[in-house]
Every structure is written in C-alpha cells, then in structure tokens.
Amino acid sequence: MTLRYQLKFYDYWHIGSGLSAGARLDSTVIKDQNDLPYVAGKIIKGLSREMAETLKDAAFVNVCFGNNGIEMGKCYFSNAQLLDATAKHICSLKLQSNLYDVIASTKIDETNGVAEDNSLREIEVVVPLELCGEIRDLPENYKEAMTRSLKMIKRMGLNRNRGLGRCEFFVEENQ
C-alpha cells in the first residue's frame, strides 16, 4: 500500500545540502531543479526508523526499514515536496527567493562573555511550509505502526535541538 502524508513545518527549518555559498553562507538548504526546498526521503526514513525502534517491534523495523545491512527494507520513502500546484504557482511568479531567509549565530566565550573570533556562522533557512510525500510498498499490517512513527517526529534538520525545524506529520486517512 501507499501511505500519503503532509509534513507541516511551524518554524524556520534547514535540511542541509552539504554546500556553502562561499563567503555569503556557511550552509545552504537542499533545493530541487526549480530552486524549491524539499526534504529527502532518506531523512524521513531515518527519523521514522529512529521512532519505530522506540516502539519495540523488531519485525516492523526489519520489514519496513531493513535489517542492519543484511536485508533491505520493503518501504520506499519519496521526497517530501510542495504540492505541484503550489510549486508551479511559485515558479510562475518567480517567488522562490521569498521561501528563504538567513540566520546568524556566534559562539560566546564563557569566561568574558565576548564573541569568539571567527565563530560567526550564517545558515540559510526555509520559511514554515507544508510539504507532501508518500511511503510506497508499505505492508498493510504495518500502516498503524508507520503512522505512529511519523507522528512521533516533532523536529527535523539542523539545529532541531535549538529551535529550528519544529514540525508535524499528518497522514491521509482515506487510503
């Protein structure tokens, strides 16, 4: 079966591309060919697996996510992307740059309370958005466990323990 979901971000978020923008940015977000942000399926799979492991159902984890390199998992996690109509509208009006902002941070020396030299970092972030994705080839008997795993994910991406990436998954009911 295919499980469809919406991923709603409530705050700025940063899923890194692994690239910088030279002197301008230390870290940019991952973007598709149209300069639109998305969340790679492998990130959703990894976080889902982490949550699934807390459910203590080894069969579910092994079947859906794989068995530590011995056997591949059955489930395929698509990238979470903007709805097609929304993406087309943004692109037609050339509004992609409005989806991004930059935040800066620096390390403060604990002894004197002054910013440490060369510690300023600027990262690109995405404004709160709603993305959609799907999990294909999910065995029907694991739909409830997968739904629970997705709903346990509350933050995603860089600095998720420092306020970025607050999110929620909504699973489509009529499937």
N, C-alpha and C. Protein backbone atom coordinates (compact mmCIF):
# COMPACT_ATOMS: atom_id res chain seq x y z
N MET A 1 0.83 -1.19 0.00
CA MET A 1 0.00 0.00 0.00
C MET A 1 0.87 1.25 0.00
N THR A 2 0.26 2.37 -0.32
CA THR A 2 0.95 3.65 -0.30
C THR A 2 0.34 4.52 0.80
N LEU A 3 1.20 5.03 1.66
CA LEU A 3 0.79 5.91 2.75
C LEU A 3 1.17 7.34 2.36
N ARG A 4 0.20 8.21 2.24
CA ARG A 4 0.46 9.61 1.88
C ARG A 4 0.37 10.47 3.14
N TYR A 5 1.23 11.49 3.18
CA TYR A 5 1.26 12.35 4.36
C TYR A 5 1.54 13.80 3.97
N GLN A 6 1.21 14.69 4.89
CA GLN A 6 1.60 16.09 4.81
C GLN A 6 2.58 16.32 5.95
N LEU A 7 3.63 17.06 5.65
CA LEU A 7 4.63 17.44 6.63
C LEU A 7 4.54 18.95 6.78
N LYS A 8 4.10 19.38 7.95
CA LYS A 8 3.90 20.82 8.19
C LYS A 8 4.99 21.32 9.13
N PHE A 9 5.73 22.33 8.65
CA PHE A 9 6.75 22.98 9.47
C PHE A 9 6.13 24.22 10.11
N TYR A 10 6.41 24.40 11.41
CA TYR A 10 5.86 25.54 12.15
C TYR A 10 6.88 26.66 12.35
N ASP A 11 8.14 26.38 12.10
CA ASP A 11 9.23 27.35 12.29
C ASP A 11 10.17 27.27 11.10
N TYR A 12 11.15 28.16 11.10
CA TYR A 12 12.23 28.02 10.12
C TYR A 12 12.80 26.60 10.22
N TRP A 13 13.30 26.10 9.09
CA TRP A 13 13.92 24.78 9.08
C TRP A 13 15.06 24.76 8.09
N HIS A 14 15.99 23.83 8.33
CA HIS A 14 17.18 23.72 7.50
C HIS A 14 17.52 22.25 7.30
N ILE A 15 17.29 21.76 6.11
CA ILE A 15 17.76 20.44 5.71
C ILE A 15 18.95 20.72 4.79
N GLY A 16 20.13 20.43 5.25
CA GLY A 16 21.35 20.85 4.57
C GLY A 16 21.63 20.15 3.26
N SER A 17 22.23 20.92 2.36
CA SER A 17 22.65 20.39 1.07
C SER A 17 24.09 19.89 1.13
N GLY A 18 24.81 20.26 2.19
CA GLY A 18 26.22 19.94 2.29
C GLY A 18 27.09 20.96 1.58
N LEU A 19 26.47 22.00 1.04
CA LEU A 19 27.20 23.03 0.30
C LEU A 19 27.15 24.36 1.04
N SER A 20 28.09 25.21 0.73
CA SER A 20 28.07 26.57 1.25
C SER A 20 27.87 27.51 0.06
N ALA A 21 27.71 28.77 0.37
CA ALA A 21 27.59 29.77 -0.69
C ALA A 21 28.77 30.72 -0.59
N GLY A 22 29.95 30.16 -0.51
CA GLY A 22 31.17 30.96 -0.41
C GLY A 22 31.21 31.78 0.85
N ALA A 23 31.57 33.03 0.73
CA ALA A 23 31.68 33.91 1.89
C ALA A 23 30.32 34.34 2.41
N ARG A 24 29.26 34.15 1.61
CA ARG A 24 27.93 34.61 2.00
C ARG A 24 27.26 33.71 3.02
N LEU A 25 27.29 32.40 2.82
CA LEU A 25 26.60 31.46 3.70
C LEU A 25 27.49 30.27 4.02
N ASP A 26 27.42 29.82 5.26
CA ASP A 26 28.17 28.63 5.65
C ASP A 26 27.45 27.35 5.25
N SER A 27 26.12 27.41 5.16
CA SER A 27 25.36 26.20 4.85
C SER A 27 24.05 26.58 4.14
N THR A 28 23.81 25.93 3.00
CA THR A 28 22.57 26.18 2.25
C THR A 28 21.64 24.98 2.40
N VAL A 29 20.36 25.19 2.12
CA VAL A 29 19.39 24.11 2.19
C VAL A 29 19.33 23.36 0.86
N ILE A 30 18.84 22.16 0.92
CA ILE A 30 18.72 21.34 -0.28
C ILE A 30 17.52 21.85 -1.09
N LYS A 31 17.75 21.97 -2.41
CA LYS A 31 16.72 22.51 -3.32
C LYS A 31 16.63 21.63 -4.56
N ASP A 32 15.46 21.63 -5.17
CA ASP A 32 15.29 20.87 -6.41
C ASP A 32 15.72 21.72 -7.61
N GLN A 33 15.50 21.20 -8.81
CA GLN A 33 15.93 21.88 -10.04
C GLN A 33 15.22 23.22 -10.26
N ASN A 34 14.10 23.44 -9.57
CA ASN A 34 13.37 24.70 -9.69
C ASN A 34 13.68 25.66 -8.54
N ASP A 35 14.71 25.35 -7.76
CA ASP A 35 15.12 26.18 -6.62
C ASP A 35 14.09 26.16 -5.50
N LEU A 36 13.36 25.05 -5.37
CA LEU A 36 12.36 24.88 -4.31
C LEU A 36 12.90 23.92 -3.26
N PRO A 37 12.62 24.19 -1.97
CA PRO A 37 13.12 23.31 -0.91
C PRO A 37 12.34 22.00 -0.87
N TYR A 38 13.00 20.96 -0.37
CA TYR A 38 12.32 19.69 -0.14
C TYR A 38 13.04 18.95 0.98
N VAL A 39 12.43 17.89 1.46
CA VAL A 39 13.06 17.03 2.44
C VAL A 39 13.29 15.68 1.77
N ALA A 40 14.53 15.26 1.73
CA ALA A 40 14.88 13.99 1.08
C ALA A 40 14.21 12.83 1.80
N GLY A 41 13.76 11.87 1.01
CA GLY A 41 13.11 10.68 1.57
C GLY A 41 13.99 9.94 2.56
N LYS A 42 15.31 9.95 2.34
CA LYS A 42 16.20 9.22 3.24
C LYS A 42 16.23 9.85 4.64
N ILE A 43 15.99 11.15 4.72
CA ILE A 43 15.93 11.81 6.03
C ILE A 43 14.66 11.39 6.76
N ILE A 44 13.55 11.37 6.04
CA ILE A 44 12.28 10.94 6.65
C ILE A 44 12.38 9.47 7.05
N LYS A 45 12.99 8.67 6.20
CA LYS A 45 13.17 7.25 6.53
C LYS A 45 14.01 7.08 7.79
N GLY A 46 15.11 7.80 7.89
CA GLY A 46 15.98 7.69 9.06
C GLY A 46 15.30 8.11 10.35
N LEU A 47 14.59 9.23 10.31
CA LEU A 47 13.89 9.68 11.51
C LEU A 47 12.74 8.75 11.86
N SER A 48 12.05 8.24 10.84
CA SER A 48 10.95 7.29 11.07
C SER A 48 11.48 6.02 11.71
N ARG A 49 12.61 5.56 11.20
CA ARG A 49 13.20 4.34 11.77
C ARG A 49 13.58 4.57 13.23
N GLU A 50 14.17 5.71 13.51
CA GLU A 50 14.55 6.02 14.89
C GLU A 50 13.33 5.97 15.81
N MET A 51 12.22 6.53 15.35
CA MET A 51 10.99 6.50 16.14
C MET A 51 10.43 5.07 16.21
N ALA A 52 10.48 4.35 15.10
CA ALA A 52 9.97 2.97 15.05
C ALA A 52 10.71 2.08 16.04
N GLU A 53 11.99 2.30 16.20
CA GLU A 53 12.76 1.48 17.12
C GLU A 53 12.32 1.66 18.56
N THR A 54 11.72 2.81 18.89
CA THR A 54 11.22 3.02 20.25
C THR A 54 9.92 2.24 20.50
N LEU A 55 9.27 1.78 19.42
CA LEU A 55 8.03 1.01 19.57
C LEU A 55 8.30 -0.44 19.97
N LYS A 56 9.55 -0.84 19.90
CA LYS A 56 9.98 -2.19 20.31
C LYS A 56 9.28 -3.29 19.50
N ASP A 57 9.14 -3.06 18.20
CA ASP A 57 8.57 -4.07 17.29
C ASP A 57 9.63 -4.37 16.23
N ALA A 58 10.49 -5.32 16.54
CA ALA A 58 11.62 -5.64 15.66
C ALA A 58 11.15 -6.08 14.28
N ALA A 59 10.05 -6.80 14.19
CA ALA A 59 9.55 -7.26 12.89
C ALA A 59 9.18 -6.06 12.02
N PHE A 60 8.49 -5.08 12.58
CA PHE A 60 8.12 -3.87 11.85
C PHE A 60 9.37 -3.16 11.34
N VAL A 61 10.35 -2.96 12.20
CA VAL A 61 11.58 -2.26 11.83
C VAL A 61 12.30 -3.03 10.72
N ASN A 62 12.47 -4.32 10.90
CA ASN A 62 13.21 -5.13 9.92
C ASN A 62 12.50 -5.19 8.57
N VAL A 63 11.19 -5.37 8.58
CA VAL A 63 10.45 -5.49 7.32
C VAL A 63 10.40 -4.16 6.59
N CYS A 64 10.09 -3.09 7.28
CA CYS A 64 9.89 -1.79 6.62
C CYS A 64 11.18 -1.03 6.35
N PHE A 65 12.15 -1.12 7.25
CA PHE A 65 13.36 -0.31 7.15
C PHE A 65 14.61 -1.10 6.80
N GLY A 66 14.57 -2.39 6.99
CA GLY A 66 15.74 -3.20 6.71
C GLY A 66 16.37 -3.74 7.97
N ASN A 67 17.24 -4.72 7.80
CA ASN A 67 17.83 -5.42 8.92
C ASN A 67 19.33 -5.22 8.94
N ASN A 68 19.79 -4.05 9.35
CA ASN A 68 21.22 -3.75 9.54
C ASN A 68 22.12 -4.22 8.40
N GLY A 69 21.74 -3.93 7.18
CA GLY A 69 22.57 -4.27 6.04
C GLY A 69 22.44 -5.70 5.56
N ILE A 70 21.72 -6.53 6.29
CA ILE A 70 21.53 -7.93 5.89
C ILE A 70 20.43 -8.03 4.84
N GLU A 71 19.37 -7.28 5.05
CA GLU A 71 18.22 -7.31 4.15
C GLU A 71 17.67 -5.89 4.01
N MET A 72 17.30 -5.52 2.78
CA MET A 72 16.72 -4.20 2.54
C MET A 72 15.29 -4.15 3.06
N GLY A 73 14.89 -2.95 3.49
CA GLY A 73 13.50 -2.76 3.88
C GLY A 73 12.60 -2.71 2.67
N LYS A 74 11.33 -3.03 2.87
CA LYS A 74 10.36 -3.07 1.77
C LYS A 74 9.86 -1.67 1.38
N CYS A 75 9.90 -0.73 2.30
CA CYS A 75 9.27 0.58 2.07
C CYS A 75 10.18 1.53 1.29
N TYR A 76 9.55 2.29 0.41
CA TYR A 76 10.24 3.35 -0.34
C TYR A 76 9.69 4.68 0.14
N PHE A 77 10.57 5.57 0.58
CA PHE A 77 10.19 6.89 1.09
C PHE A 77 10.49 7.93 0.01
N SER A 78 9.45 8.57 -0.50
CA SER A 78 9.65 9.62 -1.50
C SER A 78 10.16 10.89 -0.81
N ASN A 79 10.66 11.82 -1.61
CA ASN A 79 10.98 13.14 -1.08
C ASN A 79 9.68 13.84 -0.71
N ALA A 80 9.70 14.65 0.33
CA ALA A 80 8.55 15.48 0.69
C ALA A 80 8.73 16.82 -0.03
N GLN A 81 7.75 17.18 -0.85
CA GLN A 81 7.84 18.37 -1.68
C GLN A 81 6.57 19.20 -1.58
N LEU A 82 6.67 20.42 -2.08
CA LEU A 82 5.48 21.27 -2.18
C LEU A 82 4.47 20.60 -3.10
N LEU A 83 3.19 20.86 -2.89
CA LEU A 83 2.17 20.38 -3.82
C LEU A 83 2.49 20.92 -5.21
N ASP A 84 2.21 20.14 -6.24
CA ASP A 84 2.52 20.55 -7.61
C ASP A 84 1.93 21.92 -7.95
N ALA A 85 0.66 22.14 -7.60
CA ALA A 85 0.01 23.41 -7.93
C ALA A 85 0.71 24.58 -7.24
N THR A 86 1.09 24.38 -5.99
CA THR A 86 1.79 25.43 -5.24
C THR A 86 3.16 25.70 -5.86
N ALA A 87 3.89 24.64 -6.18
CA ALA A 87 5.22 24.78 -6.78
C ALA A 87 5.12 25.52 -8.12
N LYS A 88 4.17 25.16 -8.96
CA LYS A 88 4.00 25.81 -10.26
C LYS A 88 3.66 27.29 -10.09
N HIS A 89 2.81 27.60 -9.12
CA HIS A 89 2.42 28.99 -8.87
C HIS A 89 3.64 29.81 -8.43
N ILE A 90 4.41 29.28 -7.49
CA ILE A 90 5.61 29.98 -7.01
C ILE A 90 6.58 30.20 -8.15
N CYS A 91 6.80 29.17 -8.96
CA CYS A 91 7.75 29.28 -10.07
C CYS A 91 7.26 30.24 -11.15
N SER A 92 5.95 30.23 -11.42
CA SER A 92 5.43 31.11 -12.47
C SER A 92 5.58 32.58 -12.10
N LEU A 93 5.54 32.88 -10.81
CA LEU A 93 5.70 34.26 -10.35
C LEU A 93 7.14 34.56 -9.91
N LYS A 94 8.02 33.56 -10.06
CA LYS A 94 9.43 33.70 -9.68
C LYS A 94 9.60 34.16 -8.23
N LEU A 95 8.90 33.45 -7.34
CA LEU A 95 8.91 33.80 -5.92
C LEU A 95 9.81 32.92 -5.07
N GLN A 96 10.62 32.08 -5.69
CA GLN A 96 11.43 31.12 -4.94
C GLN A 96 12.28 31.78 -3.86
N SER A 97 12.87 32.92 -4.14
CA SER A 97 13.76 33.56 -3.16
C SER A 97 13.01 33.97 -1.89
N ASN A 98 11.70 34.14 -1.98
CA ASN A 98 10.91 34.51 -0.80
C ASN A 98 10.71 33.36 0.18
N LEU A 99 11.11 32.16 -0.21
CA LEU A 99 10.96 31.00 0.66
C LEU A 99 12.12 30.86 1.64
N TYR A 100 13.14 31.68 1.49
CA TYR A 100 14.37 31.51 2.26
C TYR A 100 14.71 32.76 3.06
N ASP A 101 15.42 32.52 4.15
CA ASP A 101 15.94 33.61 4.99
C ASP A 101 17.32 33.16 5.47
N VAL A 102 18.03 34.04 6.13
CA VAL A 102 19.35 33.72 6.66
C VAL A 102 19.34 34.05 8.15
N ILE A 103 19.87 33.12 8.94
CA ILE A 103 20.04 33.40 10.37
C ILE A 103 21.52 33.26 10.72
N ALA A 104 21.95 34.06 11.66
CA ALA A 104 23.35 34.07 12.06
C ALA A 104 23.46 33.68 13.53
N SER A 105 24.58 33.06 13.85
CA SER A 105 24.86 32.73 15.25
C SER A 105 26.37 32.83 15.45
N THR A 106 26.75 32.99 16.70
CA THR A 106 28.17 33.07 17.02
C THR A 106 28.39 32.40 18.37
N LYS A 107 29.59 31.98 18.62
CA LYS A 107 29.94 31.35 19.88
C LYS A 107 30.43 32.41 20.85
N ILE A 108 29.89 32.39 22.05
CA ILE A 108 30.27 33.35 23.08
C ILE A 108 31.25 32.69 24.05
N ASP A 109 32.37 33.35 24.31
CA ASP A 109 33.35 32.86 25.26
C ASP A 109 32.74 32.94 26.67
N GLU A 110 32.71 31.82 27.36
CA GLU A 110 32.06 31.77 28.68
C GLU A 110 32.80 32.55 29.75
N THR A 111 34.08 32.77 29.58
CA THR A 111 34.84 33.46 30.62
C THR A 111 34.65 34.97 30.58
N ASN A 112 34.56 35.55 29.37
CA ASN A 112 34.43 37.01 29.31
C ASN A 112 33.14 37.49 28.64
N GLY A 113 32.33 36.57 28.15
CA GLY A 113 31.04 36.95 27.55
C GLY A 113 31.14 37.65 26.21
N VAL A 114 32.29 37.51 25.54
CA VAL A 114 32.52 38.17 24.26
C VAL A 114 32.51 37.11 23.15
N ALA A 115 32.06 37.52 21.98
CA ALA A 115 32.05 36.60 20.84
C ALA A 115 33.46 36.14 20.51
N GLU A 116 33.61 34.83 20.27
CA GLU A 116 34.92 34.30 19.91
C GLU A 116 35.23 34.67 18.47
N ASP A 117 36.51 34.91 18.19
CA ASP A 117 36.95 35.25 16.83
C ASP A 117 36.61 34.11 15.87
N ASN A 118 36.23 34.48 14.67
CA ASN A 118 35.94 33.53 13.59
C ASN A 118 34.86 32.51 13.92
N SER A 119 33.90 32.88 14.77
CA SER A 119 32.85 31.92 15.13
C SER A 119 31.49 32.29 14.54
N LEU A 120 31.41 33.37 13.78
CA LEU A 120 30.13 33.76 13.17
C LEU A 120 29.76 32.77 12.07
N ARG A 121 28.55 32.23 12.15
CA ARG A 121 28.03 31.31 11.13
C ARG A 121 26.70 31.84 10.64
N GLU A 122 26.53 31.82 9.34
CA GLU A 122 25.24 32.18 8.76
C GLU A 122 24.73 30.98 7.98
N ILE A 123 23.48 30.61 8.25
CA ILE A 123 22.88 29.49 7.53
C ILE A 123 21.59 29.93 6.86
N GLU A 124 21.33 29.31 5.74
CA GLU A 124 20.09 29.55 5.02
C GLU A 124 19.00 28.68 5.65
N VAL A 125 17.85 29.25 5.84
CA VAL A 125 16.70 28.52 6.39
C VAL A 125 15.50 28.71 5.47
N VAL A 126 14.53 27.83 5.63
CA VAL A 126 13.30 27.89 4.85
C VAL A 126 12.18 28.36 5.77
N VAL A 127 11.30 29.20 5.23
CA VAL A 127 10.15 29.66 5.99
C VAL A 127 9.23 28.48 6.26
N PRO A 128 8.34 28.58 7.25
CA PRO A 128 7.41 27.47 7.50
C PRO A 128 6.58 27.16 6.26
N LEU A 129 6.53 25.89 5.91
CA LEU A 129 5.81 25.42 4.72
C LEU A 129 5.14 24.10 5.02
N GLU A 130 4.27 23.69 4.10
CA GLU A 130 3.69 22.36 4.16
C GLU A 130 4.12 21.59 2.91
N LEU A 131 4.68 20.42 3.14
CA LEU A 131 5.15 19.56 2.07
C LEU A 131 4.34 18.26 2.07
N CYS A 132 4.40 17.54 0.97
CA CYS A 132 3.68 16.27 0.87
C CYS A 132 4.63 15.18 0.39
N GLY A 133 4.40 13.97 0.84
CA GLY A 133 5.21 12.84 0.42
C GLY A 133 4.43 11.56 0.59
N GLU A 134 5.10 10.46 0.28
CA GLU A 134 4.45 9.16 0.42
C GLU A 134 5.46 8.08 0.73
N ILE A 135 4.94 7.02 1.32
CA ILE A 135 5.71 5.83 1.60
C ILE A 135 5.05 4.72 0.81
N ARG A 136 5.79 4.18 -0.16
CA ARG A 136 5.24 3.14 -1.03
C ARG A 136 5.68 1.76 -0.56
N ASP A 137 4.93 0.77 -0.98
CA ASP A 137 5.20 -0.65 -0.68
C ASP A 137 5.17 -0.95 0.81
N LEU A 138 4.35 -0.21 1.55
CA LEU A 138 4.18 -0.45 2.98
C LEU A 138 3.22 -1.62 3.17
N PRO A 139 3.65 -2.68 3.86
CA PRO A 139 2.72 -3.77 4.13
C PRO A 139 1.52 -3.26 4.94
N GLU A 140 0.34 -3.63 4.53
CA GLU A 140 -0.91 -3.14 5.14
C GLU A 140 -0.91 -3.31 6.66
N ASN A 141 -0.37 -4.42 7.14
CA ASN A 141 -0.41 -4.68 8.59
C ASN A 141 0.51 -3.76 9.39
N TYR A 142 1.34 -2.96 8.72
CA TYR A 142 2.22 -2.03 9.43
C TYR A 142 1.80 -0.56 9.25
N LYS A 143 0.64 -0.33 8.68
CA LYS A 143 0.17 1.05 8.46
C LYS A 143 0.07 1.82 9.78
N GLU A 144 -0.52 1.21 10.79
CA GLU A 144 -0.69 1.89 12.08
C GLU A 144 0.65 2.18 12.74
N ALA A 145 1.56 1.24 12.69
CA ALA A 145 2.89 1.44 13.30
C ALA A 145 3.66 2.54 12.57
N MET A 146 3.57 2.56 11.23
CA MET A 146 4.26 3.60 10.46
C MET A 146 3.65 4.97 10.77
N THR A 147 2.33 5.02 10.86
CA THR A 147 1.66 6.28 11.19
C THR A 147 2.12 6.78 12.55
N ARG A 148 2.20 5.90 13.53
CA ARG A 148 2.67 6.28 14.87
C ARG A 148 4.10 6.78 14.81
N SER A 149 4.95 6.11 14.04
CA SER A 149 6.35 6.52 13.92
C SER A 149 6.47 7.91 13.33
N LEU A 150 5.72 8.19 12.27
CA LEU A 150 5.76 9.52 11.65
C LEU A 150 5.27 10.59 12.63
N LYS A 151 4.20 10.31 13.34
CA LYS A 151 3.63 11.31 14.25
C LYS A 151 4.50 11.58 15.46
N MET A 152 5.46 10.69 15.73
CA MET A 152 6.39 10.91 16.84
C MET A 152 7.49 11.91 16.48
N ILE A 153 7.68 12.16 15.20
CA ILE A 153 8.72 13.11 14.77
C ILE A 153 8.20 14.53 15.03
N LYS A 154 8.91 15.27 15.84
CA LYS A 154 8.47 16.63 16.22
C LYS A 154 9.41 17.72 15.74
N ARG A 155 10.64 17.36 15.37
CA ARG A 155 11.63 18.31 14.86
C ARG A 155 12.48 17.63 13.82
N MET A 156 13.00 18.43 12.88
CA MET A 156 13.75 17.86 11.78
C MET A 156 14.80 18.85 11.30
N GLY A 157 15.99 18.35 10.96
CA GLY A 157 17.02 19.17 10.33
C GLY A 157 18.03 19.73 11.30
N LEU A 158 18.86 20.63 10.77
CA LEU A 158 19.93 21.26 11.53
C LEU A 158 19.36 22.10 12.68
N ASN A 159 20.04 22.07 13.79
CA ASN A 159 19.68 22.85 15.00
C ASN A 159 18.28 22.53 15.50
N ARG A 160 17.83 21.29 15.30
CA ARG A 160 16.49 20.93 15.76
C ARG A 160 16.40 20.94 17.28
N ASN A 161 17.54 20.86 17.96
CA ASN A 161 17.54 20.94 19.42
C ASN A 161 17.71 22.37 19.90
N ARG A 162 17.79 23.31 18.95
CA ARG A 162 17.96 24.73 19.30
C ARG A 162 16.86 25.59 18.71
N GLY A 163 15.73 24.98 18.41
CA GLY A 163 14.58 25.77 17.99
C GLY A 163 14.18 25.71 16.54
N LEU A 164 15.01 25.13 15.68
CA LEU A 164 14.64 25.05 14.26
C LEU A 164 13.91 23.74 13.97
N GLY A 165 13.13 23.74 12.90
CA GLY A 165 12.57 22.51 12.36
C GLY A 165 11.40 21.90 13.10
N ARG A 166 10.68 22.70 13.89
CA ARG A 166 9.50 22.14 14.58
C ARG A 166 8.47 21.76 13.53
N CYS A 167 8.00 20.52 13.57
CA CYS A 167 7.13 20.03 12.51
C CYS A 167 6.13 19.00 13.04
N GLU A 168 5.21 18.64 12.14
CA GLU A 168 4.19 17.63 12.46
C GLU A 168 3.79 16.92 11.18
N PHE A 169 3.58 15.62 11.30
CA PHE A 169 3.13 14.80 10.18
C PHE A 169 1.63 14.55 10.30
N PHE A 170 0.93 14.66 9.18
CA PHE A 170 -0.48 14.34 9.10
C PHE A 170 -0.65 13.27 8.03
N VAL A 171 -1.15 12.11 8.43
CA VAL A 171 -1.33 11.00 7.50
C VAL A 171 -2.73 11.08 6.92
N GLU A 172 -2.83 10.94 5.58
CA GLU A 172 -4.14 10.95 4.93
C GLU A 172 -4.92 9.73 5.37
N GLU A 173 -6.14 9.96 5.78
CA GLU A 173 -6.96 8.88 6.33
C GLU A 173 -7.57 7.97 5.26
N ASN A 174 -8.03 8.53 4.16
CA ASN A 174 -8.75 7.75 3.14
C ASN A 174 -7.77 7.12 2.16
N GLN A 175 -7.17 6.03 2.58
CA GLN A 175 -6.20 5.35 1.70
C GLN A 175 -6.56 3.90 1.59
